[in-house]
Amino acid sequence: MKLSTWHLRTGSVVAAWLVALVVVAAAHEQIPQSPWLLVHLLGLGAATNAILIWSWYFTEAMLKLGRDQGRRTQTTRLVGLNAGAVAVVAGVLAGAWPVTAAGATLVGIVALWHGAAMAHRLRHALPSRFGPMVRFYAAAGLMLPVGAGLGAAMAWGRLPGDWYSRFIVAHAMLNVLGWIGLTVLGTLVTLWATILRTRIGSGVEDAAKRGLPALVAALAVAVGGALSGLAWLAAAGAPPIPPPSATCCGRTSTRRAARSRSTSPRCRCSPGPPGWPDPSSR
């Protein structure tokens, strides 16, 4: 299959979730659970499909793999993800918790499989400068299964006391800052410089490698704080997701970087450091 054909077919899946999102947004007053649906059609449906598709694409590029390697297993993962996502949505709307739990379990298995496949590719690939950025994708794959498990527990509807509130904060942190955030940061290490049409500074990949454990540790602290009911700990641990910036000759300023490019041919710019549903809607 040609690469363009592959991306047209997989991109249509993302487009289908976005169309469903627009339909629900337009008719949200007549649709039950519409706030929950809007969040999950975008996050669990469109965004998660896009992550599975494009993180594998960038992994192939950074590890210099053949474009057809793993295409069949990737298709299986996409089918499994969408089957799980549809089951989650159907289970929540129908109030059938076993269906929701089964769907969340399937989504978690697919995410783990995706992350493990990337880690395996990285371990057996030839050395490349930006190969270690795949670790961001593998780490992100560990976050979604936990977040999906918390979501299934909330859908159960029998959490005592304020545990629902604790779970929803931890659920959001793992899925937004972990699953989506780590994927975005790992991609920006190389993609942001491409957008700026500039070279990537030396040492950027080493800084990103050192930053990943710190980001994961901070996220673990934030999730632990949320689950323990300690708001100050959750706030202290939440890793900031900085806006994309450029680092030029050791200074982080997009404007300054642009000015430096025009005045000093020796100065090259590089990307900066890689950075709810309402409980009453249950």
C-alpha atoms as a PDB file:
ATOM      1  CA  MET A   1       0.000   0.000   0.000  1.00  0.00           C
ATOM      2  CA  LYS A   2       1.297   3.473  -0.858  1.00  0.00           C
ATOM      3  CA  LEU A   3       2.070   5.789   2.032  1.00  0.00           C
ATOM      4  CA  SER A   4      -0.403   8.376   0.739  1.00  0.00           C
ATOM      5  CA  THR A   5      -3.169   5.765   0.565  1.00  0.00           C
ATOM      6  CA  TRP A   6      -2.364   4.605   4.082  1.00  0.00           C
ATOM      7  CA  HIS A   7      -2.615   8.121   5.492  1.00  0.00           C
ATOM      8  CA  LEU A   8      -5.840   8.819   3.616  1.00  0.00           C
ATOM      9  CA  ARG A   9      -7.451   5.726   5.104  1.00  0.00           C
ATOM     10  CA  THR A  10      -6.192   6.233   8.646  1.00  0.00           C
ATOM     11  CA  GLY A  11      -6.855   9.963   8.480  1.00  0.00           C
ATOM     12  CA  SER A  12     -10.465   9.247   7.614  1.00  0.00           C
ATOM     13  CA  VAL A  13     -10.840   7.552  11.009  1.00  0.00           C
ATOM     14  CA  VAL A  14      -9.705  10.731  12.768  1.00  0.00           C
ATOM     15  CA  ALA A  15     -12.038  12.740  10.534  1.00  0.00           C
ATOM     16  CA  ALA A  16     -14.983  10.494  11.454  1.00  0.00           C
ATOM     17  CA  TRP A  17     -14.457  11.186  15.164  1.00  0.00           C
ATOM     18  CA  LEU A  18     -14.228  14.914  14.453  1.00  0.00           C
ATOM     19  CA  VAL A  19     -17.466  14.802  12.479  1.00  0.00           C
ATOM     20  CA  ALA A  20     -19.156  13.067  15.411  1.00  0.00           C
ATOM     21  CA  LEU A  21     -17.757  15.783  17.669  1.00  0.00           C
ATOM     22  CA  VAL A  22     -19.267  18.529  15.500  1.00  0.00           C
ATOM     23  CA  VAL A  23     -22.645  16.748  15.418  1.00  0.00           C
ATOM     24  CA  VAL A  24     -22.744  16.411  19.201  1.00  0.00           C
ATOM     25  CA  ALA A  25     -21.640  20.029  19.654  1.00  0.00           C
ATOM     26  CA  ALA A  26     -24.423  21.220  17.347  1.00  0.00           C
ATOM     27  CA  ALA A  27     -27.108  19.158  19.090  1.00  0.00           C
ATOM     28  CA  HIS A  28     -25.690  19.073  22.601  1.00  0.00           C
ATOM     29  CA  GLU A  29     -28.933  20.241  24.228  1.00  0.00           C
ATOM     30  CA  GLN A  30     -30.785  17.186  22.936  1.00  0.00           C
ATOM     31  CA  ILE A  31     -28.041  14.635  23.620  1.00  0.00           C
ATOM     32  CA  PRO A  32     -27.570  13.137  27.098  1.00  0.00           C
ATOM     33  CA  GLN A  33     -24.068  13.188  28.548  1.00  0.00           C
ATOM     34  CA  SER A  34     -23.075  15.764  25.920  1.00  0.00           C
ATOM     35  CA  PRO A  35     -20.301  17.400  28.046  1.00  0.00           C
ATOM     36  CA  TRP A  36     -18.685  14.008  28.598  1.00  0.00           C
ATOM     37  CA  LEU A  37     -19.166  13.106  24.940  1.00  0.00           C
ATOM     38  CA  LEU A  38     -17.524  16.298  23.686  1.00  0.00           C
ATOM     39  CA  VAL A  39     -14.411  15.658  25.771  1.00  0.00           C
ATOM     40  CA  HIS A  40     -14.075  11.991  24.867  1.00  0.00           C
ATOM     41  CA  LEU A  41     -14.937  12.204  21.173  1.00  0.00           C
ATOM     42  CA  LEU A  42     -12.047  14.619  20.880  1.00  0.00           C
ATOM     43  CA  GLY A  43      -9.594  13.070  23.347  1.00  0.00           C
ATOM     44  CA  LEU A  44     -10.284   9.350  23.219  1.00  0.00           C
ATOM     45  CA  GLY A  45     -11.466   9.332  19.625  1.00  0.00           C
ATOM     46  CA  ALA A  46      -9.728  11.862  17.384  1.00  0.00           C
ATOM     47  CA  ALA A  47      -6.605  12.691  19.405  1.00  0.00           C
ATOM     48  CA  THR A  48      -5.769   9.136  20.430  1.00  0.00           C
ATOM     49  CA  ASN A  49      -6.149   7.844  16.869  1.00  0.00           C
ATOM     50  CA  ALA A  50      -3.935  10.669  15.625  1.00  0.00           C
ATOM     51  CA  ILE A  51      -1.306   9.825  18.239  1.00  0.00           C
ATOM     52  CA  LEU A  52      -1.221   6.163  17.255  1.00  0.00           C
ATOM     53  CA  ILE A  53      -0.912   7.064  13.571  1.00  0.00           C
ATOM     54  CA  TRP A  54       1.589   9.905  13.701  1.00  0.00           C
ATOM     55  CA  SER A  55       3.781   8.816  16.582  1.00  0.00           C
ATOM     56  CA  TRP A  56       4.475   5.619  14.645  1.00  0.00           C
ATOM     57  CA  TYR A  57       5.162   7.669  11.518  1.00  0.00           C
ATOM     58  CA  PHE A  58       7.723   9.807  13.370  1.00  0.00           C
ATOM     59  CA  THR A  59       9.211   6.692  14.962  1.00  0.00           C
ATOM     60  CA  GLU A  60       9.798   5.230  11.511  1.00  0.00           C
ATOM     61  CA  ALA A  61      11.435   8.480  10.433  1.00  0.00           C
ATOM     62  CA  MET A  62      13.668   8.918  13.489  1.00  0.00           C
ATOM     63  CA  LEU A  63      14.772   5.280  13.561  1.00  0.00           C
ATOM     64  CA  LYS A  64      15.075   5.157   9.758  1.00  0.00           C
ATOM     65  CA  LEU A  65      12.768   2.167   9.445  1.00  0.00           C
ATOM     66  CA  GLY A  66      11.084   0.963   6.295  1.00  0.00           C
ATOM     67  CA  ARG A  67       7.635   2.466   5.837  1.00  0.00           C
ATOM     68  CA  ASP A  68       5.968  -0.929   5.512  1.00  0.00           C
ATOM     69  CA  GLN A  69       7.408  -2.370   8.717  1.00  0.00           C
ATOM     70  CA  GLY A  70       4.678  -3.189  11.217  1.00  0.00           C
ATOM     71  CA  ARG A  71       1.858  -1.851   9.006  1.00  0.00           C
ATOM     72  CA  ARG A  72      -0.351  -4.890   9.604  1.00  0.00           C
ATOM     73  CA  THR A  73       0.087  -4.813  13.378  1.00  0.00           C
ATOM     74  CA  GLN A  74      -0.490  -1.065  13.377  1.00  0.00           C
ATOM     75  CA  THR A  75      -3.778  -1.635  11.563  1.00  0.00           C
ATOM     76  CA  THR A  76      -4.723  -4.195  14.222  1.00  0.00           C
ATOM     77  CA  ARG A  77      -3.951  -1.685  16.958  1.00  0.00           C
ATOM     78  CA  LEU A  78      -6.095   0.972  15.291  1.00  0.00           C
ATOM     79  CA  VAL A  79      -8.989  -1.453  14.938  1.00  0.00           C
ATOM     80  CA  GLY A  80      -8.643  -2.457  18.583  1.00  0.00           C
ATOM     81  CA  LEU A  81      -8.455   1.148  19.738  1.00  0.00           C
ATOM     82  CA  ASN A  82     -11.583   2.175  17.869  1.00  0.00           C
ATOM     83  CA  ALA A  83     -13.493  -0.896  19.011  1.00  0.00           C
ATOM     84  CA  GLY A  84     -12.566  -0.044  22.603  1.00  0.00           C
ATOM     85  CA  ALA A  85     -13.418   3.640  22.190  1.00  0.00           C
ATOM     86  CA  VAL A  86     -16.818   2.852  20.670  1.00  0.00           C
ATOM     87  CA  ALA A  87     -17.505   0.409  23.519  1.00  0.00           C
ATOM     88  CA  VAL A  88     -16.618   3.081  26.096  1.00  0.00           C
ATOM     89  CA  VAL A  89     -18.933   5.619  24.496  1.00  0.00           C
ATOM     90  CA  ALA A  90     -21.765   3.119  24.057  1.00  0.00           C
ATOM     91  CA  GLY A  91     -21.360   1.796  27.585  1.00  0.00           C
ATOM     92  CA  VAL A  92     -21.482   5.253  29.170  1.00  0.00           C
ATOM     93  CA  LEU A  93     -24.503   6.341  27.136  1.00  0.00           C
ATOM     94  CA  ALA A  94     -26.372   3.101  27.852  1.00  0.00           C
ATOM     95  CA  GLY A  95     -25.341   2.949  31.480  1.00  0.00           C
ATOM     96  CA  ALA A  96     -23.790  -0.487  30.893  1.00  0.00           C
ATOM     97  CA  TRP A  97     -20.675  -0.451  33.045  1.00  0.00           C
ATOM     98  CA  PRO A  98     -19.345  -3.888  31.958  1.00  0.00           C
ATOM     99  CA  VAL A  99     -19.279  -2.639  28.361  1.00  0.00           C
ATOM    100  CA  THR A 100     -17.489   0.537  29.453  1.00  0.00           C
ATOM    101  CA  ALA A 101     -14.950  -1.438  31.493  1.00  0.00           C
ATOM    102  CA  ALA A 102     -14.295  -3.824  28.612  1.00  0.00           C
ATOM    103  CA  GLY A 103     -13.785  -0.925  26.224  1.00  0.00           C
ATOM    104  CA  ALA A 104     -11.420   0.871  28.617  1.00  0.00           C
ATOM    105  CA  THR A 105      -9.456  -2.344  29.073  1.00  0.00           C
ATOM    106  CA  LEU A 106      -9.097  -2.771  25.320  1.00  0.00           C
ATOM    107  CA  VAL A 107      -7.941   0.835  24.922  1.00  0.00           C
ATOM    108  CA  GLY A 108      -5.355   0.320  27.663  1.00  0.00           C
ATOM    109  CA  ILE A 109      -4.056  -2.886  26.079  1.00  0.00           C
ATOM    110  CA  VAL A 110      -3.671  -1.158  22.709  1.00  0.00           C
ATOM    111  CA  ALA A 111      -1.751   1.749  24.288  1.00  0.00           C
ATOM    112  CA  LEU A 112       0.592  -0.631  26.109  1.00  0.00           C
ATOM    113  CA  TRP A 113       1.117  -2.631  22.927  1.00  0.00           C
ATOM    114  CA  HIS A 114       1.853   0.571  21.018  1.00  0.00           C
ATOM    115  CA  GLY A 115       4.401   1.765  23.586  1.00  0.00           C
ATOM    116  CA  ALA A 116       6.041  -1.647  23.852  1.00  0.00           C
ATOM    117  CA  ALA A 117       6.350  -1.897  20.052  1.00  0.00           C
ATOM    118  CA  MET A 118       8.122   1.453  19.963  1.00  0.00           C
ATOM    119  CA  ALA A 119      10.479   0.504  22.768  1.00  0.00           C
ATOM    120  CA  HIS A 120      11.273  -2.737  20.923  1.00  0.00           C
ATOM    121  CA  ARG A 121      11.982  -0.855  17.700  1.00  0.00           C
ATOM    122  CA  LEU A 122      14.239   1.586  19.521  1.00  0.00           C
ATOM    123  CA  ARG A 123      16.198  -1.195  21.191  1.00  0.00           C
ATOM    124  CA  HIS A 124      16.860  -3.037  17.926  1.00  0.00           C
ATOM    125  CA  ALA A 125      17.290  -0.090  15.546  1.00  0.00           C
ATOM    126  CA  LEU A 126      20.591   1.294  14.362  1.00  0.00           C
ATOM    127  CA  PRO A 127      21.795   4.329  16.344  1.00  0.00           C
ATOM    128  CA  SER A 128      20.364   7.648  15.199  1.00  0.00           C
ATOM    129  CA  ARG A 129      20.599  11.141  16.592  1.00  0.00           C
ATOM    130  CA  PHE A 130      16.926  11.558  17.443  1.00  0.00           C
ATOM    131  CA  GLY A 131      16.079   7.911  18.062  1.00  0.00           C
ATOM    132  CA  PRO A 132      15.892   8.464  21.832  1.00  0.00           C
ATOM    133  CA  MET A 133      12.912  10.801  21.269  1.00  0.00           C
ATOM    134  CA  VAL A 134      10.898   7.615  20.760  1.00  0.00           C
ATOM    135  CA  ARG A 135      11.167   7.183  24.525  1.00  0.00           C
ATOM    136  CA  PHE A 136       8.646  10.008  24.915  1.00  0.00           C
ATOM    137  CA  TYR A 137       6.129   7.981  22.900  1.00  0.00           C
ATOM    138  CA  ALA A 138       6.852   4.807  24.852  1.00  0.00           C
ATOM    139  CA  ALA A 139       6.449   6.648  28.167  1.00  0.00           C
ATOM    140  CA  ALA A 140       3.181   8.172  26.987  1.00  0.00           C
ATOM    141  CA  GLY A 141       1.936   4.663  26.234  1.00  0.00           C
ATOM    142  CA  LEU A 142       2.183   3.863  29.947  1.00  0.00           C
ATOM    143  CA  MET A 143      -0.089   6.749  30.925  1.00  0.00           C
ATOM    144  CA  LEU A 144      -3.228   5.987  28.932  1.00  0.00           C
ATOM    145  CA  PRO A 145      -3.907   2.518  30.465  1.00  0.00           C
ATOM    146  CA  VAL A 146      -3.860   3.989  33.981  1.00  0.00           C
ATOM    147  CA  GLY A 147      -5.988   6.935  32.909  1.00  0.00           C
ATOM    148  CA  ALA A 148      -8.452   4.608  31.193  1.00  0.00           C
ATOM    149  CA  GLY A 149      -8.647   2.477  34.326  1.00  0.00           C
ATOM    150  CA  LEU A 150      -9.498   5.520  36.440  1.00  0.00           C
ATOM    151  CA  GLY A 151     -12.130   6.491  33.889  1.00  0.00           C
ATOM    152  CA  ALA A 152     -13.722   3.047  34.074  1.00  0.00           C
ATOM    153  CA  ALA A 153     -13.772   3.277  37.869  1.00  0.00           C
ATOM    154  CA  MET A 154     -15.570   6.630  37.655  1.00  0.00           C
ATOM    155  CA  ALA A 155     -18.113   5.181  35.227  1.00  0.00           C
ATOM    156  CA  TRP A 156     -18.832   2.499  37.825  1.00  0.00           C
ATOM    157  CA  GLY A 157     -20.505   5.245  39.880  1.00  0.00           C
ATOM    158  CA  ARG A 158     -19.917   3.696  43.309  1.00  0.00           C
ATOM    159  CA  LEU A 159     -16.795   5.491  44.462  1.00  0.00           C
ATOM    160  CA  PRO A 160     -17.145   6.521  48.116  1.00  0.00           C
ATOM    161  CA  GLY A 161     -16.823  10.048  49.439  1.00  0.00           C
ATOM    162  CA  ASP A 162     -14.789  12.454  47.351  1.00  0.00           C
ATOM    163  CA  TRP A 163     -12.930   9.743  45.452  1.00  0.00           C
ATOM    164  CA  TYR A 164     -14.776  10.618  42.254  1.00  0.00           C
ATOM    165  CA  SER A 165     -13.309  14.133  42.383  1.00  0.00           C
ATOM    166  CA  ARG A 166      -9.852  12.752  43.099  1.00  0.00           C
ATOM    167  CA  PHE A 167     -10.075  10.261  40.265  1.00  0.00           C
ATOM    168  CA  ILE A 168     -11.257  12.821  37.740  1.00  0.00           C
ATOM    169  CA  VAL A 169      -8.256  15.098  38.382  1.00  0.00           C
ATOM    170  CA  ALA A 170      -5.811  12.192  38.170  1.00  0.00           C
ATOM    171  CA  HIS A 171      -7.619  10.888  35.074  1.00  0.00           C
ATOM    172  CA  ALA A 172      -7.252  14.256  33.337  1.00  0.00           C
ATOM    173  CA  MET A 173      -3.590  14.598  34.301  1.00  0.00           C
ATOM    174  CA  LEU A 174      -2.633  11.176  33.008  1.00  0.00           C
ATOM    175  CA  ASN A 175      -4.500  11.521  29.740  1.00  0.00           C
ATOM    176  CA  VAL A 176      -3.835  15.185  28.918  1.00  0.00           C
ATOM    177  CA  LEU A 177      -0.391  15.789  30.418  1.00  0.00           C
ATOM    178  CA  GLY A 178       0.804  12.200  30.111  1.00  0.00           C
ATOM    179  CA  TRP A 179      -0.635  10.528  27.031  1.00  0.00           C
ATOM    180  CA  ILE A 180      -1.075  13.664  24.908  1.00  0.00           C
ATOM    181  CA  GLY A 181       1.479  15.979  26.529  1.00  0.00           C
ATOM    182  CA  LEU A 182       4.484  13.658  26.417  1.00  0.00           C
ATOM    183  CA  THR A 183       3.699  12.723  22.833  1.00  0.00           C
ATOM    184  CA  VAL A 184       3.530  16.376  21.801  1.00  0.00           C
ATOM    185  CA  LEU A 185       6.753  17.278  23.593  1.00  0.00           C
ATOM    186  CA  GLY A 186       8.664  14.376  22.090  1.00  0.00           C
ATOM    187  CA  THR A 187       7.490  15.399  18.638  1.00  0.00           C
ATOM    188  CA  LEU A 188       8.282  19.096  19.079  1.00  0.00           C
ATOM    189  CA  VAL A 189      11.940  18.348  19.778  1.00  0.00           C
ATOM    190  CA  THR A 190      12.383  17.757  16.055  1.00  0.00           C
ATOM    191  CA  LEU A 191       9.214  19.090  14.429  1.00  0.00           C
ATOM    192  CA  TRP A 192       9.370  22.610  15.868  1.00  0.00           C
ATOM    193  CA  ALA A 193      12.743  23.273  14.275  1.00  0.00           C
ATOM    194  CA  THR A 194      11.326  22.016  10.978  1.00  0.00           C
ATOM    195  CA  ILE A 195       8.428  24.456  11.282  1.00  0.00           C
ATOM    196  CA  LEU A 196      10.886  27.288  11.938  1.00  0.00           C
ATOM    197  CA  ARG A 197      13.017  26.099   8.998  1.00  0.00           C
ATOM    198  CA  THR A 198      16.160  26.163  11.063  1.00  0.00           C
ATOM    199  CA  ARG A 199      18.798  23.814  12.366  1.00  0.00           C
ATOM    200  CA  ILE A 200      18.472  22.015  15.660  1.00  0.00           C
ATOM    201  CA  GLY A 201      21.131  23.105  18.116  1.00  0.00           C
ATOM    202  CA  SER A 202      23.688  20.649  19.367  1.00  0.00           C
ATOM    203  CA  GLY A 203      22.797  18.983  22.636  1.00  0.00           C
ATOM    204  CA  VAL A 204      19.030  19.376  22.256  1.00  0.00           C
ATOM    205  CA  GLU A 205      18.491  15.630  22.110  1.00  0.00           C
ATOM    206  CA  ASP A 206      20.579  15.130  25.268  1.00  0.00           C
ATOM    207  CA  ALA A 207      18.571  17.786  27.103  1.00  0.00           C
ATOM    208  CA  ALA A 208      15.342  16.083  26.040  1.00  0.00           C
ATOM    209  CA  LYS A 209      16.619  12.705  27.242  1.00  0.00           C
ATOM    210  CA  ARG A 210      17.430  14.209  30.635  1.00  0.00           C
ATOM    211  CA  GLY A 211      14.096  15.986  30.778  1.00  0.00           C
ATOM    212  CA  LEU A 212      11.899  12.947  30.197  1.00  0.00           C
ATOM    213  CA  PRO A 213      12.530  11.257  33.593  1.00  0.00           C
ATOM    214  CA  ALA A 214      11.903  14.584  35.327  1.00  0.00           C
ATOM    215  CA  LEU A 215       8.609  15.034  33.489  1.00  0.00           C
ATOM    216  CA  VAL A 216       7.450  11.518  34.312  1.00  0.00           C
ATOM    217  CA  ALA A 217       8.460  11.924  37.971  1.00  0.00           C
ATOM    218  CA  ALA A 218       6.645  15.257  38.210  1.00  0.00           C
ATOM    219  CA  LEU A 219       3.533  13.734  36.677  1.00  0.00           C
ATOM    220  CA  ALA A 220       3.684  10.848  39.157  1.00  0.00           C
ATOM    221  CA  VAL A 221       3.861  13.348  42.028  1.00  0.00           C
ATOM    222  CA  ALA A 222       0.912  15.298  40.615  1.00  0.00           C
ATOM    223  CA  VAL A 223      -1.220  12.183  40.181  1.00  0.00           C
ATOM    224  CA  GLY A 224      -0.278  10.987  43.661  1.00  0.00           C
ATOM    225  CA  GLY A 225      -1.294  14.355  45.067  1.00  0.00           C
ATOM    226  CA  ALA A 226      -4.621  14.232  43.250  1.00  0.00           C
ATOM    227  CA  LEU A 227      -5.414  10.718  44.475  1.00  0.00           C
ATOM    228  CA  SER A 228      -4.415  11.563  48.042  1.00  0.00           C
ATOM    229  CA  GLY A 229      -6.565  14.678  48.043  1.00  0.00           C
ATOM    230  CA  LEU A 230      -3.591  17.033  48.487  1.00  0.00           C
ATOM    231  CA  ALA A 231      -4.248  19.859  46.086  1.00  0.00           C
ATOM    232  CA  TRP A 232      -0.937  21.580  46.839  1.00  0.00           C
ATOM    233  CA  LEU A 233       0.987  18.416  45.977  1.00  0.00           C
ATOM    234  CA  ALA A 234      -0.952  17.913  42.751  1.00  0.00           C
ATOM    235  CA  ALA A 235      -0.275  21.525  41.758  1.00  0.00           C
ATOM    236  CA  ALA A 236       3.394  21.305  42.684  1.00  0.00           C
ATOM    237  CA  GLY A 237       3.945  18.129  40.692  1.00  0.00           C
ATOM    238  CA  ALA A 238       1.993  19.017  37.556  1.00  0.00           C
ATOM    239  CA  PRO A 239       4.649  19.385  34.848  1.00  0.00           C
ATOM    240  CA  PRO A 240       4.260  22.650  32.952  1.00  0.00           C
ATOM    241  CA  ILE A 241       3.661  22.324  29.217  1.00  0.00           C
ATOM    242  CA  PRO A 242       5.456  25.395  27.869  1.00  0.00           C
ATOM    243  CA  PRO A 243       4.433  27.076  24.639  1.00  0.00           C
ATOM    244  CA  PRO A 244       6.749  26.202  21.783  1.00  0.00           C
ATOM    245  CA  SER A 245       9.732  28.536  21.880  1.00  0.00           C
ATOM    246  CA  ALA A 246      13.110  28.658  20.245  1.00  0.00           C
ATOM    247  CA  THR A 247      16.441  28.556  21.981  1.00  0.00           C
ATOM    248  CA  CYS A 248      19.120  30.459  20.179  1.00  0.00           C
ATOM    249  CA  CYS A 249      22.643  30.656  21.551  1.00  0.00           C
ATOM    250  CA  GLY A 250      21.352  29.749  25.003  1.00  0.00           C
ATOM    251  CA  ARG A 251      18.443  32.273  25.082  1.00  0.00           C
ATOM    252  CA  THR A 252      14.777  31.252  24.918  1.00  0.00           C
ATOM    253  CA  SER A 253      12.852  33.778  22.871  1.00  0.00           C
ATOM    254  CA  THR A 254      11.224  33.252  19.516  1.00  0.00           C
ATOM    255  CA  ARG A 255      11.567  36.927  18.617  1.00  0.00           C
ATOM    256  CA  ARG A 256      15.204  37.059  19.695  1.00  0.00           C
ATOM    257  CA  ALA A 257      15.900  33.819  17.850  1.00  0.00           C
ATOM    258  CA  ALA A 258      14.485  35.243  14.640  1.00  0.00           C
ATOM    259  CA  ARG A 259      16.561  38.400  15.037  1.00  0.00           C
ATOM    260  CA  SER A 260      19.694  36.378  15.762  1.00  0.00           C
ATOM    261  CA  ARG A 261      19.220  34.265  12.635  1.00  0.00           C
ATOM    262  CA  SER A 262      19.231  37.400  10.499  1.00  0.00           C
ATOM    263  CA  THR A 263      22.298  38.980  12.146  1.00  0.00           C
ATOM    264  CA  SER A 264      24.556  36.077  13.029  1.00  0.00           C
ATOM    265  CA  PRO A 265      25.086  33.148  10.650  1.00  0.00           C
ATOM    266  CA  ARG A 266      26.752  31.185  13.435  1.00  0.00           C
ATOM    267  CA  CYS A 267      23.735  31.315  15.724  1.00  0.00           C
ATOM    268  CA  ARG A 268      21.223  28.566  15.014  1.00  0.00           C
ATOM    269  CA  CYS A 269      17.860  28.165  16.657  1.00  0.00           C
ATOM    270  CA  SER A 270      16.628  25.031  18.357  1.00  0.00           C
ATOM    271  CA  PRO A 271      13.382  24.108  20.131  1.00  0.00           C
ATOM    272  CA  GLY A 272      13.001  24.958  23.790  1.00  0.00           C
ATOM    273  CA  PRO A 273      12.874  22.319  26.494  1.00  0.00           C
ATOM    274  CA  PRO A 274      10.066  19.821  26.017  1.00  0.00           C
ATOM    275  CA  GLY A 275       7.517  20.804  27.876  1.00  0.00           C
ATOM    276  CA  TRP A 276     -13.525  17.710  32.970  1.00  0.00           C
ATOM    277  CA  PRO A 277     -16.390  16.309  32.759  1.00  0.00           C
ATOM    278  CA  ASP A 278     -18.678  17.534  35.583  1.00  0.00           C
ATOM    279  CA  PRO A 279     -19.279  14.930  38.377  1.00  0.00           C
ATOM    280  CA  SER A 280     -22.970  15.742  38.119  1.00  0.00           C
ATOM    281  CA  SER A 281     -22.987  14.333  34.570  1.00  0.00           C
ATOM    282  CA  ARG A 282     -22.390  10.785  35.790  1.00  0.00           C
END
